[in-house]
Amino acid sequence: MSVHPKTFCGDGAYLLQFVYVMADTPTDTTPSPRKEPQDGVASRVILDMADTTWRMFVPTVGLLLVGRWFDTRYGFKPWLMLVGFSLGSLIAAMLIKRQLVRGDGN
């Protein structure tokens, strides 16, 4: 951009306009605009963790407690509790495998 010297030195308003135009001109050192994170990334991770957690612990702990209850009721200590834990772990593994195969590609 060329500026006529007489106009540049004689007119203060033109000088300010020139400075504003130069300040708005992008250069190689101009930082790029900040990229905002995608909406809901944190909530998506938290929901995935909660989904995996219930798949692991509800069947395992639930059937363990059911097995313990049957043990105390019928006197088979600790065998039905171990069977409940094993069956719950197997069900949890199947649920996690189904979740991984599905991939939750939402």
Protein backbone atom coordinates (compact mmCIF):
# COMPACT_ATOMS: atom_id res chain seq x y z
CA MET A 1 0.00 0.00 0.00
CA SER A 2 1.53 3.28 -1.06
CA VAL A 3 0.73 6.53 0.73
CA HIS A 4 1.33 9.98 -0.70
CA PRO A 5 3.85 11.67 1.65
CA LYS A 6 2.04 15.03 1.74
CA THR A 7 -1.27 13.36 2.64
CA PHE A 8 0.41 11.04 5.12
CA CYS A 9 2.16 13.85 7.01
CA GLY A 10 -0.49 16.55 6.67
CA ASP A 11 -3.67 14.71 7.64
CA GLY A 12 -3.83 13.09 11.11
CA ALA A 13 -7.13 11.33 10.35
CA TYR A 14 -5.60 9.61 7.36
CA LEU A 15 -2.68 8.48 9.52
CA LEU A 16 -5.08 6.81 11.98
CA GLN A 17 -6.97 5.18 9.11
CA PHE A 18 -3.68 3.86 7.72
CA VAL A 19 -2.71 2.42 11.13
CA TYR A 20 -6.11 0.71 11.51
CA VAL A 21 -5.87 -0.82 8.05
CA MET A 22 -2.37 -2.13 8.74
CA ALA A 23 -3.44 -3.54 12.10
CA ASP A 24 -6.29 -5.49 10.48
CA THR A 25 -4.06 -6.97 7.78
CA PRO A 26 -3.26 -10.61 8.65
CA THR A 27 0.40 -11.61 8.72
CA ASP A 28 2.25 -14.86 9.22
CA THR A 29 2.57 -14.07 12.91
CA THR A 30 -1.15 -13.47 13.39
CA PRO A 31 -2.42 -16.23 15.71
CA SER A 32 -5.13 -18.42 14.29
CA PRO A 33 -8.54 -18.21 15.92
CA ARG A 34 -8.92 -20.49 18.95
CA LYS A 35 -10.73 -23.70 18.17
CA GLU A 36 -13.55 -24.42 20.58
CA PRO A 37 -13.86 -27.99 21.87
CA GLN A 38 -16.64 -30.06 20.42
CA ASP A 39 -19.90 -29.89 22.28
CA GLY A 40 -20.43 -32.66 24.79
CA VAL A 41 -17.03 -34.38 24.61
CA ALA A 42 -16.61 -34.48 28.40
CA SER A 43 -20.17 -35.58 29.00
CA ARG A 44 -19.81 -38.30 26.35
CA VAL A 45 -16.71 -39.69 28.09
CA ILE A 46 -18.44 -39.63 31.49
CA LEU A 47 -21.50 -41.40 30.08
CA ASP A 48 -19.31 -44.08 28.46
CA MET A 49 -17.52 -44.65 31.76
CA ALA A 50 -20.83 -44.93 33.63
CA ASP A 51 -22.19 -47.33 31.01
CA THR A 52 -19.15 -49.59 31.31
CA THR A 53 -19.21 -49.40 35.11
CA TRP A 54 -22.78 -50.64 35.48
CA ARG A 55 -22.10 -53.42 32.96
CA MET A 56 -19.21 -54.63 35.12
CA PHE A 57 -20.45 -54.21 38.67
CA VAL A 58 -24.21 -54.72 38.67
CA PRO A 59 -24.14 -58.35 37.47
CA THR A 60 -21.01 -59.24 39.45
CA VAL A 61 -21.96 -57.68 42.78
CA GLY A 62 -25.68 -58.43 42.34
CA LEU A 63 -25.22 -62.14 41.75
CA LEU A 64 -22.56 -62.29 44.47
CA LEU A 65 -25.08 -60.90 46.97
CA VAL A 66 -27.81 -63.23 45.72
CA GLY A 67 -25.42 -66.16 46.12
CA ARG A 68 -24.52 -65.05 49.64
CA TRP A 69 -28.19 -64.76 50.54
CA PHE A 70 -28.82 -68.32 49.30
CA ASP A 71 -25.73 -69.48 51.23
CA THR A 72 -27.02 -68.10 54.51
CA ARG A 73 -30.53 -69.35 53.83
CA TYR A 74 -29.64 -72.91 52.81
CA GLY A 75 -26.23 -73.39 54.50
CA PHE A 76 -24.01 -73.93 51.45
CA LYS A 77 -21.37 -71.36 52.53
CA PRO A 78 -19.37 -70.20 50.44
CA TRP A 79 -20.23 -72.15 47.32
CA LEU A 80 -23.33 -70.33 46.06
CA MET A 81 -21.62 -66.99 46.65
CA LEU A 82 -18.71 -68.14 44.49
CA VAL A 83 -21.11 -69.44 41.84
CA GLY A 84 -22.94 -66.08 41.89
CA PHE A 85 -19.67 -64.19 41.57
CA SER A 86 -18.50 -66.41 38.70
CA LEU A 87 -21.81 -66.20 36.86
CA GLY A 88 -21.94 -62.42 37.40
CA SER A 89 -18.40 -62.04 36.06
CA LEU A 90 -19.27 -64.09 32.98
CA ILE A 91 -22.37 -61.98 32.32
CA ALA A 92 -20.35 -58.78 32.83
CA ALA A 93 -17.72 -59.99 30.35
CA MET A 94 -20.42 -60.73 27.77
CA LEU A 95 -21.99 -57.28 28.28
CA ILE A 96 -18.63 -55.52 27.90
CA LYS A 97 -17.85 -57.57 24.78
CA ARG A 98 -21.22 -56.59 23.30
CA GLN A 99 -20.50 -52.94 24.08
CA LEU A 100 -17.07 -53.11 22.40
CA VAL A 101 -18.38 -54.92 19.31
CA ARG A 102 -21.22 -52.44 18.96
CA GLY A 103 -18.70 -49.65 19.42
CA ASP A 104 -21.36 -47.19 20.54
CA GLY A 105 -20.90 -45.42 17.20
CA ASN A 106 -23.45 -42.74 18.06
